[in-house]
Amino acid sequence: MKYLKTYDEKCIGCNQCMTACSMAFFKEDNPAKSAIQVIEKPDGGFHLVVCDQQYRKCVDECPTQAITVNKQGVVMINKKLCISCFACVAVCPIDAMRRCDGVLNPFKCVACGVCVKGCPTQAIEIVTEE
């Protein structure tokens, strides 16, 4: 299985990961259009929210089977089959399935690694497990 592993203690809240993600997939620097989110914690630290590819409630909830798991274990959304009901967003226990005004379909991390390259503190890494 391929997924992103995060290290909250290394995150400095620079949001470079969110910029890299939204630029790669939506061609604009818009934090709302990033599949990874940096959340400030009450103690001043940061928490990284991203799909860990493990819960998969979205796969079972999708009424059109638009959400599947690929050979690498990554949960993927087929935009052609998606009817934008956003049931997947509602059932995601870690709020990693995203919805944004102006974006027709839900979206999520596909473990591409663009955010890893954008992070100056190595707070994110790509992990591949058998």
Protein backbone atom coordinates (compact mmCIF):
# COMPACT_ATOMS: atom_id res chain seq x y z
CA MET A 1 0.00 0.00 0.00
CA LYS A 2 1.22 3.48 -0.89
CA TYR A 3 0.36 6.41 1.38
CA LEU A 4 1.65 9.60 2.93
CA LYS A 5 3.07 9.43 6.43
CA THR A 6 3.02 12.70 8.33
CA TYR A 7 5.08 14.02 11.21
CA ASP A 8 3.13 16.79 12.92
CA GLU A 9 6.07 17.62 15.19
CA LYS A 10 8.14 18.62 12.13
CA CYS A 11 5.45 20.83 10.55
CA ILE A 12 6.10 24.58 10.81
CA GLY A 13 2.81 25.64 9.23
CA CYS A 14 4.38 27.14 6.10
CA ASN A 15 1.63 25.60 3.91
CA GLN A 16 4.07 24.78 1.11
CA CYS A 17 2.55 21.30 0.90
CA MET A 18 -0.91 22.78 0.31
CA THR A 19 0.43 25.15 -2.33
CA ALA A 20 2.23 22.32 -4.14
CA CYS A 21 -0.91 20.15 -4.11
CA SER A 22 -3.37 22.78 -5.30
CA MET A 23 -0.97 23.98 -8.00
CA ALA A 24 -0.41 20.42 -9.26
CA PHE A 25 -4.08 19.48 -9.47
CA PHE A 26 -5.97 22.77 -9.89
CA LYS A 27 -3.28 25.09 -11.31
CA GLU A 28 -3.88 27.67 -8.58
CA ASP A 29 -2.49 28.46 -5.14
CA ASN A 30 -5.67 27.87 -3.16
CA PRO A 31 -5.48 26.07 0.21
CA ALA A 32 -9.13 25.03 -0.09
CA LYS A 33 -8.19 23.04 -3.20
CA SER A 34 -5.42 21.08 -1.53
CA ALA A 35 -5.88 17.41 -0.68
CA ILE A 36 -3.58 17.89 2.31
CA GLN A 37 -4.58 20.35 5.00
CA VAL A 38 -2.45 22.02 7.67
CA ILE A 39 -4.52 22.65 10.79
CA GLU A 40 -3.24 24.82 13.64
CA LYS A 41 -3.66 23.15 17.02
CA PRO A 42 -4.58 25.02 20.23
CA ASP A 43 -1.05 24.52 21.55
CA GLY A 44 0.40 26.39 18.56
CA GLY A 45 1.60 23.27 16.76
CA PHE A 46 0.21 21.91 13.52
CA HIS A 47 -1.67 18.79 12.45
CA LEU A 48 -1.51 17.44 8.89
CA VAL A 49 -4.76 15.98 7.57
CA VAL A 50 -4.40 13.70 4.56
CA CYS A 51 -5.92 10.42 3.41
CA ASP A 52 -4.03 7.50 4.91
CA GLN A 53 -5.67 5.11 2.40
CA GLN A 54 -6.75 2.83 5.27
CA TYR A 55 -10.30 3.63 6.43
CA ARG A 56 -11.99 3.25 3.03
CA LYS A 57 -15.53 3.92 4.24
CA CYS A 58 -15.87 6.07 1.13
CA VAL A 59 -15.47 3.02 -1.11
CA ASP A 60 -18.45 1.27 0.48
CA GLU A 61 -20.56 4.44 0.68
CA CYS A 62 -20.29 5.47 -2.99
CA PRO A 63 -23.61 4.67 -4.72
CA THR A 64 -22.04 4.51 -8.21
CA GLN A 65 -18.84 2.59 -7.37
CA ALA A 66 -16.84 5.63 -8.51
CA ILE A 67 -14.42 5.11 -5.63
CA THR A 68 -12.08 2.15 -5.87
CA VAL A 69 -8.70 1.02 -4.60
CA ASN A 70 -5.92 0.74 -7.19
CA LYS A 71 -3.12 -1.85 -7.32
CA GLN A 72 -0.93 0.30 -5.07
CA GLY A 73 -3.66 0.47 -2.41
CA VAL A 74 -4.55 4.08 -3.14
CA VAL A 75 -8.21 5.07 -2.95
CA MET A 76 -9.12 6.68 -6.28
CA ILE A 77 -12.17 8.59 -7.54
CA ASN A 78 -13.40 8.05 -11.11
CA LYS A 79 -14.78 11.48 -12.04
CA LYS A 80 -16.78 10.02 -14.92
CA LEU A 81 -18.75 7.78 -12.56
CA CYS A 82 -19.02 10.28 -9.70
CA ILE A 83 -22.44 11.95 -9.34
CA SER A 84 -21.18 14.53 -6.80
CA CYS A 85 -23.45 13.34 -3.99
CA PHE A 86 -20.55 13.90 -1.55
CA ALA A 87 -21.57 10.91 0.59
CA CYS A 88 -17.87 10.03 0.67
CA VAL A 89 -17.05 13.38 2.26
CA ALA A 90 -19.68 12.82 4.94
CA VAL A 91 -18.38 9.38 5.97
CA CYS A 92 -14.63 10.07 5.99
CA PRO A 93 -13.61 9.65 9.65
CA ILE A 94 -10.51 11.82 9.29
CA ASP A 95 -11.94 14.56 7.04
CA ALA A 96 -9.47 13.70 4.28
CA MET A 97 -12.09 13.49 1.52
CA ARG A 98 -12.41 17.08 0.36
CA ARG A 99 -15.16 19.30 -1.01
CA CYS A 100 -14.60 22.81 -2.31
CA ASP A 101 -16.87 25.45 -3.83
CA GLY A 102 -16.32 25.60 -7.57
CA VAL A 103 -15.06 22.01 -7.78
CA LEU A 104 -17.63 19.59 -9.18
CA ASN A 105 -16.33 16.35 -7.65
CA PRO A 106 -14.92 15.43 -4.26
CA PHE A 107 -11.15 15.00 -4.17
CA LYS A 108 -8.50 13.45 -1.97
CA CYS A 109 -4.84 12.61 -1.75
CA VAL A 110 -3.63 10.17 -4.40
CA ALA A 111 -0.17 9.76 -2.83
CA CYS A 112 1.55 11.47 -5.76
CA GLY A 113 4.26 12.99 -3.57
CA VAL A 114 4.20 16.56 -4.87
CA CYS A 115 3.62 17.81 -1.31
CA VAL A 116 6.61 15.81 -0.07
CA LYS A 117 8.85 17.68 -2.49
CA GLY A 118 7.36 21.00 -1.36
CA CYS A 119 7.90 20.45 2.37
CA PRO A 120 11.07 22.15 3.69
CA THR A 121 11.09 20.19 6.99
CA GLN A 122 10.41 16.63 5.79
CA ALA A 123 7.12 16.55 7.73
CA ILE A 124 5.66 14.30 5.01
CA GLU A 125 7.00 11.18 3.33
CA ILE A 126 5.70 8.63 0.85
CA VAL A 127 5.59 5.12 2.27
CA THR A 128 5.10 1.93 0.29
CA GLU A 129 4.24 -1.19 2.26
CA GLU A 130 3.65 -4.71 0.97
